[in-house]
């Protein structure tokens, strides 16, 4: 009886290993990243942002990060 139980546990372990292995091979955490970047290039904001939120974020970044002009010696 204990041999049958050990074989059963072994079979469940092997099947579980292959299920997890196949799931991990198909899992790509960056799958939607290219689509989101294409959306940003086309619309100017991320898919989870409204245009108003994107404009407010740009205004805040422009306030914090200003561009410097080079002086007469081309130093910034």
C-alpha atoms as a PDB file:
ATOM      1  CA  UNK A   1       0.000   0.000   0.000  1.00  0.00           C
ATOM      2  CA  UNK A   2       2.780   2.446   0.802  1.00  0.00           C
ATOM      3  CA  UNK A   3       4.417   1.762  -2.585  1.00  0.00           C
ATOM      4  CA  UNK A   4       1.215   2.775  -4.386  1.00  0.00           C
ATOM      5  CA  UNK A   5       1.046   5.962  -2.308  1.00  0.00           C
ATOM      6  CA  UNK A   6       4.699   6.782  -3.082  1.00  0.00           C
ATOM      7  CA  UNK A   7       4.122   6.240  -6.815  1.00  0.00           C
ATOM      8  CA  UNK A   8       0.985   8.414  -6.647  1.00  0.00           C
ATOM      9  CA  UNK A   9       2.908  11.220  -4.930  1.00  0.00           C
ATOM     10  CA  UNK A  10       5.718  10.885  -7.483  1.00  0.00           C
ATOM     11  CA  UNK A  11       3.297  11.135 -10.404  1.00  0.00           C
ATOM     12  CA  UNK A  12       1.615  14.183  -8.880  1.00  0.00           C
ATOM     13  CA  UNK A  13       5.019  15.792  -8.333  1.00  0.00           C
ATOM     14  CA  UNK A  14       6.179  15.175 -11.900  1.00  0.00           C
ATOM     15  CA  UNK A  15       2.911  16.410 -13.407  1.00  0.00           C
ATOM     16  CA  UNK A  16       2.990  19.453 -11.124  1.00  0.00           C
ATOM     17  CA  UNK A  17       6.577  20.195 -12.141  1.00  0.00           C
ATOM     18  CA  UNK A  18       5.687  20.116 -15.838  1.00  0.00           C
ATOM     19  CA  UNK A  19       2.596  22.284 -15.304  1.00  0.00           C
ATOM     20  CA  UNK A  20       4.648  24.889 -13.433  1.00  0.00           C
ATOM     21  CA  UNK A  21       7.473  24.668 -15.984  1.00  0.00           C
ATOM     22  CA  UNK A  22       5.103  25.246 -18.918  1.00  0.00           C
ATOM     23  CA  UNK A  23       3.369  28.113 -17.139  1.00  0.00           C
ATOM     24  CA  UNK A  24       6.688  29.818 -16.431  1.00  0.00           C
ATOM     25  CA  UNK A  25       7.841  29.427 -20.032  1.00  0.00           C
ATOM     26  CA  UNK A  26       4.708  31.145 -21.313  1.00  0.00           C
ATOM     27  CA  UNK A  27       4.797  33.906 -18.679  1.00  0.00           C
ATOM     28  CA  UNK A  28       6.280  37.157 -19.961  1.00  0.00           C
ATOM     29  CA  UNK A  29       6.053  40.062 -17.509  1.00  0.00           C
ATOM     30  CA  UNK A  30       6.875  42.561 -20.283  1.00  0.00           C
ATOM     31  CA  UNK A  31       4.316  41.316 -22.785  1.00  0.00           C
ATOM     32  CA  UNK A  32       2.210  44.466 -22.784  1.00  0.00           C
ATOM     33  CA  UNK A  33       5.152  46.854 -22.613  1.00  0.00           C
ATOM     34  CA  UNK A  34       5.637  47.124 -26.379  1.00  0.00           C
ATOM     35  CA  UNK A  35       1.926  47.775 -26.878  1.00  0.00           C
ATOM     36  CA  UNK A  36       1.986  50.469 -24.201  1.00  0.00           C
ATOM     37  CA  UNK A  37       5.029  52.138 -25.802  1.00  0.00           C
ATOM     38  CA  UNK A  38       3.338  52.087 -29.220  1.00  0.00           C
ATOM     39  CA  UNK A  39       0.241  53.663 -27.644  1.00  0.00           C
ATOM     40  CA  UNK A  40       2.420  56.339 -26.023  1.00  0.00           C
ATOM     41  CA  UNK A  41       4.164  57.107 -29.326  1.00  0.00           C
ATOM     42  CA  UNK A  42       0.827  57.478 -31.079  1.00  0.00           C
ATOM     43  CA  UNK A  43      -1.183  59.358 -28.419  1.00  0.00           C
ATOM     44  CA  UNK A  44       1.416  61.103 -26.247  1.00  0.00           C
ATOM     45  CA  UNK A  45       0.269  59.539 -22.984  1.00  0.00           C
ATOM     46  CA  UNK A  46       0.253  56.085 -21.390  1.00  0.00           C
ATOM     47  CA  UNK A  47      -2.798  53.830 -21.746  1.00  0.00           C
ATOM     48  CA  UNK A  48      -3.688  54.177 -18.063  1.00  0.00           C
ATOM     49  CA  UNK A  49      -3.482  57.997 -18.180  1.00  0.00           C
ATOM     50  CA  UNK A  50      -5.925  60.579 -19.396  1.00  0.00           C
ATOM     51  CA  UNK A  51      -4.552  63.342 -21.612  1.00  0.00           C
ATOM     52  CA  UNK A  52      -5.187  65.815 -18.781  1.00  0.00           C
ATOM     53  CA  UNK A  53      -3.126  63.721 -16.344  1.00  0.00           C
ATOM     54  CA  UNK A  54      -0.308  63.485 -18.873  1.00  0.00           C
ATOM     55  CA  UNK A  55      -0.304  67.245 -19.408  1.00  0.00           C
ATOM     56  CA  UNK A  56      -0.266  67.878 -15.652  1.00  0.00           C
ATOM     57  CA  UNK A  57       2.661  65.482 -15.287  1.00  0.00           C
ATOM     58  CA  UNK A  58       4.552  67.233 -18.102  1.00  0.00           C
ATOM     59  CA  UNK A  59       3.926  70.624 -16.497  1.00  0.00           C
ATOM     60  CA  UNK A  60       5.193  69.365 -13.125  1.00  0.00           C
ATOM     61  CA  UNK A  61       8.312  67.864 -14.706  1.00  0.00           C
ATOM     62  CA  UNK A  62       8.957  71.070 -16.662  1.00  0.00           C
ATOM     63  CA  UNK A  63       8.716  73.023 -13.415  1.00  0.00           C
ATOM     64  CA  UNK A  64      11.208  70.745 -11.646  1.00  0.00           C
ATOM     65  CA  UNK A  65      13.627  70.048 -14.497  1.00  0.00           C
ATOM     66  CA  UNK A  66      14.653  73.112 -16.435  1.00  0.00           C
ATOM     67  CA  UNK A  67      16.956  73.047 -19.429  1.00  0.00           C
ATOM     68  CA  UNK A  68      20.140  75.045 -19.124  1.00  0.00           C
ATOM     69  CA  UNK A  69      21.659  76.960 -21.982  1.00  0.00           C
ATOM     70  CA  UNK A  70      25.416  76.800 -22.553  1.00  0.00           C
ATOM     71  CA  UNK A  71      27.461  79.890 -21.801  1.00  0.00           C
ATOM     72  CA  UNK A  72      29.967  81.496 -24.162  1.00  0.00           C
ATOM     73  CA  UNK A  73      32.452  78.675 -23.413  1.00  0.00           C
ATOM     74  CA  UNK A  74      29.853  75.991 -24.160  1.00  0.00           C
ATOM     75  CA  UNK A  75      29.648  74.998 -20.521  1.00  0.00           C
ATOM     76  CA  UNK A  76      26.331  74.242 -18.931  1.00  0.00           C
END
